[in-house]
Protein backbone atom coordinates (compact mmCIF):
# COMPACT_ATOMS: atom_id res chain seq x y z
CA UNK A 1 51.80 -54.67 -40.88
CA UNK A 2 54.98 -56.36 -42.25
CA UNK A 3 54.97 -59.60 -44.10
CA UNK A 4 56.60 -62.60 -42.40
CA UNK A 5 57.87 -66.06 -43.38
CA UNK A 6 59.01 -68.98 -41.26
CA UNK A 7 61.63 -71.45 -41.96
CA UNK A 8 61.20 -75.15 -41.48
CA UNK A 9 62.72 -75.10 -37.90
CA UNK A 10 60.39 -72.40 -36.62
CA UNK A 11 58.36 -73.49 -33.62
CA UNK A 12 54.81 -74.31 -34.95
CA UNK A 13 53.25 -73.62 -31.53
CA UNK A 14 54.45 -70.06 -31.80
CA UNK A 15 53.28 -69.92 -35.32
CA UNK A 16 49.74 -71.11 -34.38
CA UNK A 17 49.57 -68.57 -31.45
CA UNK A 18 50.80 -65.74 -33.64
CA UNK A 19 47.93 -66.58 -36.22
CA UNK A 20 45.41 -66.67 -33.37
CA UNK A 21 46.52 -63.40 -31.82
CA UNK A 22 46.80 -61.54 -34.99
CA UNK A 23 44.28 -63.21 -37.48
CA UNK A 24 45.31 -60.66 -40.22
CA UNK A 25 48.91 -61.25 -40.04
CA UNK A 26 50.63 -62.10 -43.47
CA UNK A 27 52.83 -65.13 -42.52
CA UNK A 28 53.76 -68.02 -44.69
CA UNK A 29 55.74 -70.98 -43.84
CA UNK A 30 58.47 -71.91 -46.51
CA UNK A 31 56.42 -75.22 -46.97
CA UNK A 32 53.19 -73.41 -47.69
CA UNK A 33 55.12 -71.25 -50.24
CA UNK A 34 56.47 -74.34 -51.86
CA UNK A 35 60.03 -73.99 -50.61
CA UNK A 36 60.19 -76.83 -48.27
CA UNK A 37 63.54 -78.54 -48.26
CA UNK A 38 65.34 -75.72 -49.88
CA UNK A 39 68.74 -74.66 -48.68
CA UNK A 40 69.07 -71.60 -46.55
CA UNK A 41 70.32 -69.29 -49.10
CA UNK A 42 67.39 -70.04 -51.40
CA UNK A 43 65.07 -69.48 -48.53
CA UNK A 44 66.54 -66.17 -47.67
CA UNK A 45 66.50 -65.16 -51.39
CA UNK A 46 62.81 -66.11 -51.55
CA UNK A 47 61.87 -64.16 -48.46
CA UNK A 48 63.92 -61.16 -49.77
CA UNK A 49 62.14 -61.17 -53.15
CA UNK A 50 58.67 -61.46 -51.42
CA UNK A 51 59.57 -58.60 -48.91
CA UNK A 52 59.13 -60.87 -45.95
CA UNK A 53 60.86 -60.90 -42.58
CA UNK A 54 62.15 -64.52 -42.09
CA UNK A 55 61.60 -65.98 -38.62
CA UNK A 56 63.80 -68.92 -37.75
CA UNK A 57 64.12 -70.94 -34.65
CA UNK A 58 67.16 -73.27 -35.18
CA UNK A 59 67.21 -75.29 -32.01
CA UNK A 60 70.99 -76.14 -32.63
CA UNK A 61 71.99 -72.50 -32.32
CA UNK A 62 69.07 -70.78 -30.50
CA UNK A 63 68.53 -71.08 -26.74
CA UNK A 64 65.28 -72.19 -25.41
CA UNK A 65 62.91 -69.32 -24.64
CA UNK A 66 59.61 -69.15 -23.04
CA UNK A 67 56.88 -69.11 -25.82
CA UNK A 68 55.01 -66.32 -24.31
CA UNK A 69 57.97 -63.77 -24.30
CA UNK A 70 58.68 -64.55 -27.80
CA UNK A 71 55.21 -64.39 -28.97
CA UNK A 72 54.72 -60.90 -27.20
CA UNK A 73 57.65 -59.65 -29.11
CA UNK A 74 56.49 -61.09 -32.44
CA UNK A 75 53.03 -59.56 -31.94
CA UNK A 76 54.80 -56.22 -31.30
CA UNK A 77 57.11 -56.49 -34.29
CA UNK A 78 54.40 -57.56 -36.74
CA UNK A 79 51.90 -54.91 -35.48
CA UNK A 80 54.11 -51.88 -35.24
CA UNK A 81 56.84 -52.32 -37.81
CA UNK A 82 56.73 -50.66 -41.17
CA UNK A 83 57.65 -52.38 -44.45
CA UNK A 84 61.31 -52.30 -45.00
CA UNK A 85 62.17 -51.50 -41.53
CA UNK A 86 63.84 -54.97 -40.92
CA UNK A 87 65.81 -55.23 -44.13
CA UNK A 88 69.39 -56.60 -43.62
CA UNK A 89 68.96 -56.99 -39.91
CA UNK A 90 69.45 -59.93 -37.61
CA UNK A 91 67.68 -59.61 -34.27
CA UNK A 92 67.21 -62.07 -31.48
CA UNK A 93 64.20 -62.45 -29.41
CA UNK A 94 63.27 -61.52 -26.68
CA UNK A 95 64.07 -57.91 -27.59
CA UNK A 96 64.70 -56.94 -24.04
């Protein structure tokens, strides 16, 4: 399973649901990692150093999506992806 990180804008309802659905998921918020309030480039650098896929949900640039479809895709990505598979990629959810 890949390692995940969420930025400060990430929807906490989705994060809580992901942790409930995948109890063994390795996901940290930037705040939990001690990087709360850091600029985006610093957060990206930290996630890269930690081999974590960074999840964001910037409400000023992202459209609203149903939580269920985002969660389904996150469970799929977290469960089926290999380490390194998402390096240098930007993907938007839902994947379909």
